[in-house]
């Protein structure tokens, strides 16, 4: 597992960050009772140095679930997203300054960590940055020693720029081989300001792994059941024909191609991966094994992007 600089003091993170949304049972349905702890163990063994969670995962209980493995593995850093609470049986957005402060303190108490390595405002709007309250709460947490580095997990281009304007040192956003608008808009600016970029959803919620057949139906408790209409899902599967052009040599499958494509981007510091079991994590680690220098041959990337753009498959708008 390669490492890249994450903090301004030179501290690094592994290229993979362990995401816990799928492991919490919040997004894809129930998981095995011991899946979270076992996957953390496998992640540490593979060299992963950062785990990501949000305050509403596992019905608000994810940081308590992480407390024991975090205590066992002090070398494993914690990235926490705050701003969405689990309230009255559903996630509720709340970026009021007092709520942000309370959430940060609750993460520290629940996780058993005196300091959060990276704390993210979760899904803020541009107005949240303009009002300044949530940002002030983050800066205060840094001054108090509760947070090492603060940032924002954003869903749109304007919010990404607003985060950088507000002084965020880390910005997380959705990115994959066919969806790149935020990254293409902020990459140069982030690089110039020393802002670390973290990509998530790099497998397009599993579609780019290449395991689904046309007509596949997702379970009712899987968020993908409502995310795409049947024709939209079928269209996404058709994209895989183009992605397959990256599969050769050490790139032994579609999932490997998608993961390596994200890591190939020079301004992306790390990617959040979301396995639902230890075995899935082990497979992803093997997908990026033996990378030396560029994650993909440059000529393969250029050929893939040329074909994908010619067919209108890459969303950069």
Protein backbone atom coordinates (compact mmCIF):
# COMPACT_ATOMS: atom_id res chain seq x y z
CA UNK A 1 0.00 0.00 0.00
CA UNK A 2 1.58 3.26 -1.12
CA UNK A 3 1.30 6.44 0.99
CA UNK A 4 0.84 10.10 0.13
CA UNK A 5 1.12 13.30 2.17
CA UNK A 6 -2.20 14.22 3.79
CA UNK A 7 -1.46 16.80 6.47
CA UNK A 8 0.48 20.04 6.23
CA UNK A 9 2.98 18.72 8.78
CA UNK A 10 4.02 16.01 6.33
CA UNK A 11 2.07 13.10 7.84
CA UNK A 12 0.81 10.65 5.24
CA UNK A 13 -2.16 8.44 4.46
CA UNK A 14 -2.40 5.20 2.56
CA UNK A 15 -3.87 5.46 -0.95
CA UNK A 16 -6.87 3.50 0.29
CA UNK A 17 -9.03 4.90 3.06
CA UNK A 18 -11.41 2.37 4.59
CA UNK A 19 -14.99 3.61 4.22
CA UNK A 20 -17.59 2.24 6.61
CA UNK A 21 -20.94 3.15 5.03
CA UNK A 22 -21.41 -0.32 3.55
CA UNK A 23 -20.02 -1.99 6.68
CA UNK A 24 -22.46 -0.06 8.87
CA UNK A 25 -25.49 -1.61 7.15
CA UNK A 26 -26.72 1.86 6.26
CA UNK A 27 -26.46 1.78 2.49
CA UNK A 28 -26.53 -1.73 1.08
CA UNK A 29 -28.46 -3.70 3.65
CA UNK A 30 -27.40 -5.84 6.58
CA UNK A 31 -23.85 -7.15 6.93
CA UNK A 32 -22.37 -9.90 9.09
CA UNK A 33 -22.17 -8.95 12.76
CA UNK A 34 -18.38 -9.10 12.88
CA UNK A 35 -17.77 -7.65 9.39
CA UNK A 36 -16.72 -4.19 10.57
CA UNK A 37 -14.13 -5.33 13.09
CA UNK A 38 -12.72 -8.03 10.82
CA UNK A 39 -12.46 -5.65 7.88
CA UNK A 40 -10.62 -3.09 10.01
CA UNK A 41 -8.19 -5.85 11.00
CA UNK A 42 -7.60 -6.77 7.37
CA UNK A 43 -7.19 -3.09 6.45
CA UNK A 44 -4.49 -2.56 9.05
CA UNK A 45 -2.71 -5.71 7.89
CA UNK A 46 -2.79 -4.39 4.32
CA UNK A 47 -1.27 -1.06 5.35
CA UNK A 48 -4.40 1.12 5.39
CA UNK A 49 -3.83 4.03 7.77
CA UNK A 50 -7.17 5.90 7.81
CA UNK A 51 -10.79 4.87 8.41
CA UNK A 52 -13.74 7.06 7.38
CA UNK A 53 -17.16 7.26 9.06
CA UNK A 54 -20.05 9.71 9.40
CA UNK A 55 -22.19 10.60 12.38
CA UNK A 56 -25.37 9.09 10.91
CA UNK A 57 -23.91 5.70 9.92
CA UNK A 58 -25.25 2.64 11.77
CA UNK A 59 -28.21 4.67 13.04
CA UNK A 60 -25.77 7.06 14.67
CA UNK A 61 -23.69 4.37 16.37
CA UNK A 62 -20.74 3.85 14.03
CA UNK A 63 -18.11 5.53 16.19
CA UNK A 64 -19.03 3.40 19.19
CA UNK A 65 -18.64 0.35 16.94
CA UNK A 66 -15.19 1.57 15.90
CA UNK A 67 -14.05 2.29 19.44
CA UNK A 68 -12.58 -1.16 20.17
CA UNK A 69 -10.64 -1.61 16.90
CA UNK A 70 -9.38 1.98 17.11
CA UNK A 71 -8.09 1.26 20.60
CA UNK A 72 -6.31 -1.87 19.36
CA UNK A 73 -4.75 -0.11 16.38
CA UNK A 74 -3.53 3.33 17.49
CA UNK A 75 -1.69 3.68 14.18
CA UNK A 76 -5.05 3.80 12.37
CA UNK A 77 -6.19 7.39 11.88
CA UNK A 78 -9.81 8.54 12.02
CA UNK A 79 -11.67 10.63 9.45
CA UNK A 80 -15.09 11.78 10.65
CA UNK A 81 -17.86 13.48 8.70
CA UNK A 82 -20.17 15.66 10.77
CA UNK A 83 -23.28 17.61 9.85
CA UNK A 84 -25.81 14.83 9.34
CA UNK A 85 -27.39 13.40 12.48
CA UNK A 86 -29.49 10.30 13.07
CA UNK A 87 -32.66 11.72 14.56
CA UNK A 88 -36.11 10.18 14.97
CA UNK A 89 -35.15 7.20 12.85
CA UNK A 90 -33.75 9.10 9.89
CA UNK A 91 -30.71 11.15 8.84
CA UNK A 92 -31.18 14.90 9.35
CA UNK A 93 -28.77 17.53 8.10
CA UNK A 94 -27.62 20.00 10.75
CA UNK A 95 -24.65 22.31 10.22
CA UNK A 96 -25.54 24.87 12.88
CA UNK A 97 -22.31 25.80 14.72
CA UNK A 98 -23.45 24.41 18.06
CA UNK A 99 -24.50 21.15 16.38
CA UNK A 100 -21.12 20.84 14.64
CA UNK A 101 -19.30 21.38 17.93
CA UNK A 102 -21.51 18.87 19.72
CA UNK A 103 -21.01 16.33 16.93
CA UNK A 104 -17.22 16.66 17.04
CA UNK A 105 -17.21 16.19 20.80
CA UNK A 106 -19.52 13.17 20.45
CA UNK A 107 -17.23 11.59 17.86
CA UNK A 108 -14.27 12.00 20.20
CA UNK A 109 -16.20 10.47 23.09
CA UNK A 110 -17.70 7.63 21.07
CA UNK A 111 -14.53 6.67 19.23
CA UNK A 112 -12.25 7.04 22.22
CA UNK A 113 -9.93 9.26 20.20
CA UNK A 114 -8.82 12.51 21.81
CA UNK A 115 -8.19 14.01 18.37
CA UNK A 116 -9.87 13.40 15.01
CA UNK A 117 -7.25 13.25 12.27
CA UNK A 118 -9.51 14.66 9.53
CA UNK A 119 -12.93 16.16 10.31
CA UNK A 120 -15.25 16.90 7.39
CA UNK A 121 -18.37 19.02 7.10
CA UNK A 122 -20.74 16.57 5.44
CA UNK A 123 -22.69 17.75 2.36
CA UNK A 124 -22.54 21.50 3.10
CA UNK A 125 -24.12 24.04 0.74
CA UNK A 126 -22.38 27.15 -0.52
CA UNK A 127 -24.54 29.12 1.94
CA UNK A 128 -23.13 27.08 4.83
CA UNK A 129 -19.70 28.40 3.93
CA UNK A 130 -20.90 31.96 3.41
CA UNK A 131 -22.52 32.12 6.85
CA UNK A 132 -19.22 31.05 8.38
CA UNK A 133 -20.71 29.42 11.46
CA UNK A 134 -19.88 25.82 10.66
CA UNK A 135 -16.40 26.78 9.50
CA UNK A 136 -15.82 28.75 12.69
CA UNK A 137 -16.85 25.69 14.69
CA UNK A 138 -14.32 23.59 12.77
CA UNK A 139 -11.53 26.11 13.32
CA UNK A 140 -12.38 26.26 17.01
CA UNK A 141 -12.13 22.46 17.21
CA UNK A 142 -8.67 22.66 15.63
CA UNK A 143 -7.62 25.30 18.16
CA UNK A 144 -8.91 23.12 21.00
CA UNK A 145 -6.92 20.15 19.74
CA UNK A 146 -9.99 18.04 18.95
CA UNK A 147 -9.27 18.10 15.20
CA UNK A 148 -5.97 17.90 13.35
CA UNK A 149 -7.15 18.89 9.86
CA UNK A 150 -10.60 20.06 8.76
CA UNK A 151 -12.27 19.85 5.39
CA UNK A 152 -15.55 19.21 3.60
CA UNK A 153 -17.24 16.32 1.84
CA UNK A 154 -19.11 17.96 -1.04
CA UNK A 155 -21.51 16.91 -3.77
CA UNK A 156 -21.20 19.80 -6.25
CA UNK A 157 -18.68 22.04 -7.99
CA UNK A 158 -19.80 25.30 -6.35
CA UNK A 159 -19.60 23.72 -2.90
CA UNK A 160 -16.10 22.43 -3.64
CA UNK A 161 -14.89 25.91 -4.58
CA UNK A 162 -16.64 27.41 -1.56
CA UNK A 163 -14.85 24.92 0.68
CA UNK A 164 -11.47 25.89 -0.75
CA UNK A 165 -12.33 29.59 -0.39
CA UNK A 166 -13.21 28.98 3.26
CA UNK A 167 -9.82 27.42 3.96
CA UNK A 168 -10.64 23.71 3.92
CA UNK A 169 -7.44 21.70 3.79
CA UNK A 170 -9.13 18.52 2.57
CA UNK A 171 -12.02 18.12 0.11
CA UNK A 172 -13.80 14.82 -0.55
CA UNK A 173 -16.13 14.31 -3.52
CA UNK A 174 -17.62 11.64 -5.80
CA UNK A 175 -15.37 10.61 -8.69
CA UNK A 176 -15.11 7.69 -11.06
CA UNK A 177 -14.03 6.98 -14.60
CA UNK A 178 -17.29 8.32 -16.04
CA UNK A 179 -18.07 11.08 -13.52
CA UNK A 180 -15.45 13.78 -13.01
CA UNK A 181 -16.99 17.31 -12.84
CA UNK A 182 -15.82 18.29 -9.36
CA UNK A 183 -12.31 16.96 -9.82
CA UNK A 184 -11.77 18.60 -13.22
CA UNK A 185 -13.04 21.92 -11.87
CA UNK A 186 -10.90 22.13 -8.72
CA UNK A 187 -7.81 19.98 -9.31
CA UNK A 188 -5.46 22.75 -10.45
CA UNK A 189 -6.69 25.17 -7.82
CA UNK A 190 -6.42 22.62 -5.05
CA UNK A 191 -2.91 21.68 -6.09
CA UNK A 192 -1.85 25.32 -6.03
CA UNK A 193 -3.21 25.81 -2.51
CA UNK A 194 -2.00 22.53 -1.07
CA UNK A 195 -5.53 21.20 -0.59
CA UNK A 196 -5.70 17.40 -0.39
CA UNK A 197 -8.37 15.77 -2.55
CA UNK A 198 -10.06 12.52 -1.60
CA UNK A 199 -12.29 10.64 -4.04
CA UNK A 200 -15.16 8.39 -3.08
CA UNK A 201 -17.70 6.33 -5.06
CA UNK A 202 -14.83 5.37 -7.38
CA UNK A 203 -16.62 2.13 -8.32
CA UNK A 204 -19.93 3.93 -8.97
CA UNK A 205 -21.56 2.06 -6.08
CA UNK A 206 -20.17 -1.23 -7.34
CA UNK A 207 -21.27 -0.97 -10.97
CA UNK A 208 -17.71 -0.57 -12.26
CA UNK A 209 -16.65 -3.81 -10.57
CA UNK A 210 -18.37 -5.61 -13.42
CA UNK A 211 -20.31 -8.14 -11.35
CA UNK A 212 -23.86 -7.24 -12.39
CA UNK A 213 -25.77 -8.71 -15.31
CA UNK A 214 -28.39 -6.79 -17.31
CA UNK A 215 -31.73 -6.83 -15.52
CA UNK A 216 -30.20 -7.26 -12.07
CA UNK A 217 -32.61 -6.24 -9.30
CA UNK A 218 -31.33 -4.77 -6.04
CA UNK A 219 -32.90 -5.59 -2.69
CA UNK A 220 -35.32 -3.10 -1.20
CA UNK A 221 -32.88 -2.13 1.59
CA UNK A 222 -30.13 -1.39 -0.97
CA UNK A 223 -29.97 2.32 -1.88
CA UNK A 224 -29.27 1.36 -5.50
CA UNK A 225 -32.83 0.07 -5.85
CA UNK A 226 -34.03 3.68 -5.90
CA UNK A 227 -30.96 5.36 -7.38
CA UNK A 228 -31.39 4.26 -11.01
CA UNK A 229 -34.32 3.45 -13.25
CA UNK A 230 -33.85 0.16 -15.15
CA UNK A 231 -32.83 1.92 -18.38
CA UNK A 232 -30.30 4.07 -16.49
CA UNK A 233 -28.74 1.02 -14.87
CA UNK A 234 -28.57 -0.76 -18.24
CA UNK A 235 -26.81 2.26 -19.76
CA UNK A 236 -24.21 2.23 -16.98
CA UNK A 237 -23.49 -1.42 -17.63
CA UNK A 238 -22.91 -0.58 -21.30
CA UNK A 239 -20.12 1.80 -20.22
CA UNK A 240 -18.09 -1.17 -19.03
CA UNK A 241 -17.21 -2.10 -22.59
CA UNK A 242 -15.12 1.06 -22.83
CA UNK A 243 -13.60 0.70 -19.35
CA UNK A 244 -12.48 -2.80 -20.31
CA UNK A 245 -9.90 -1.19 -22.63
CA UNK A 246 -7.82 -0.51 -19.51
CA UNK A 247 -7.73 -4.20 -18.57
CA UNK A 248 -4.39 -5.69 -19.50
CA UNK A 249 -1.15 -6.71 -17.83
CA UNK A 250 -1.29 -6.04 -14.07
CA UNK A 251 -4.79 -4.59 -14.52
CA UNK A 252 -6.60 -7.90 -14.28
CA UNK A 253 -10.24 -6.81 -14.16
CA UNK A 254 -12.74 -3.97 -14.34
CA UNK A 255 -12.59 -3.20 -10.64
CA UNK A 256 -8.82 -2.96 -10.82
CA UNK A 257 -9.12 -0.63 -13.81
CA UNK A 258 -11.60 1.65 -12.01
CA UNK A 259 -9.55 1.83 -8.81
CA UNK A 260 -6.32 2.44 -10.66
CA UNK A 261 -7.96 5.11 -12.84
CA UNK A 262 -8.82 7.11 -9.73
CA UNK A 263 -5.33 6.67 -8.29
CA UNK A 264 -3.86 7.70 -11.65
CA UNK A 265 -5.15 11.26 -11.15
CA UNK A 266 -2.19 13.28 -9.93
CA UNK A 267 -4.18 15.64 -7.67
CA UNK A 268 -6.06 12.87 -5.84
CA UNK A 269 -4.36 12.00 -2.57
CA UNK A 270 -6.41 8.91 -1.69
CA UNK A 271 -9.63 7.08 -2.46
CA UNK A 272 -12.27 5.87 -0.03
CA UNK A 273 -13.18 2.25 -0.71
CA UNK A 274 -16.35 0.70 0.68
CA UNK A 275 -16.06 -3.06 1.10
CA UNK A 276 -18.82 -4.93 2.91
CA UNK A 277 -16.58 -7.77 4.08
CA UNK A 278 -12.90 -8.55 4.74
CA UNK A 279 -12.76 -10.60 1.54
CA UNK A 280 -13.95 -7.67 -0.58
CA UNK A 281 -11.26 -5.46 0.92
CA UNK A 282 -8.58 -8.07 0.27
CA UNK A 283 -9.69 -8.25 -3.37
CA UNK A 284 -9.44 -4.47 -3.73
CA UNK A 285 -5.97 -4.46 -2.22
CA UNK A 286 -4.89 -7.08 -4.75
CA UNK A 287 -6.38 -4.91 -7.49
CA UNK A 288 -3.76 -2.22 -6.87
CA UNK A 289 -0.84 -4.47 -6.02
CA UNK A 290 2.53 -3.92 -7.64
CA UNK A 291 1.87 -0.35 -8.79
CA UNK A 292 5.16 1.35 -9.55
CA UNK A 293 4.99 4.95 -10.70
CA UNK A 294 1.80 5.62 -12.62
CA UNK A 295 -1.20 3.52 -11.60
CA UNK A 296 -2.01 2.92 -15.29
CA UNK A 297 -0.04 3.21 -18.53
CA UNK A 298 -0.50 6.77 -19.74
CA UNK A 299 -1.18 5.66 -23.30
CA UNK A 300 -4.00 3.39 -22.09
CA UNK A 301 -5.60 6.23 -20.13
CA UNK A 302 -5.43 8.59 -23.11
CA UNK A 303 -6.99 5.99 -25.38
CA UNK A 304 -9.77 5.21 -22.89
CA UNK A 305 -10.59 8.89 -22.34
CA UNK A 306 -10.61 9.63 -26.06
CA UNK A 307 -13.13 6.87 -26.77
CA UNK A 308 -15.26 7.64 -23.70
CA UNK A 309 -15.41 11.35 -24.56
CA UNK A 310 -16.21 10.65 -28.19
CA UNK A 311 -19.18 8.57 -27.06
CA UNK A 312 -20.28 11.17 -24.53
CA UNK A 313 -19.71 8.85 -21.58
CA UNK A 314 -17.57 11.09 -19.35
CA UNK A 315 -19.50 13.62 -17.30
CA UNK A 316 -17.32 16.68 -16.78
CA UNK A 317 -20.10 19.28 -16.67
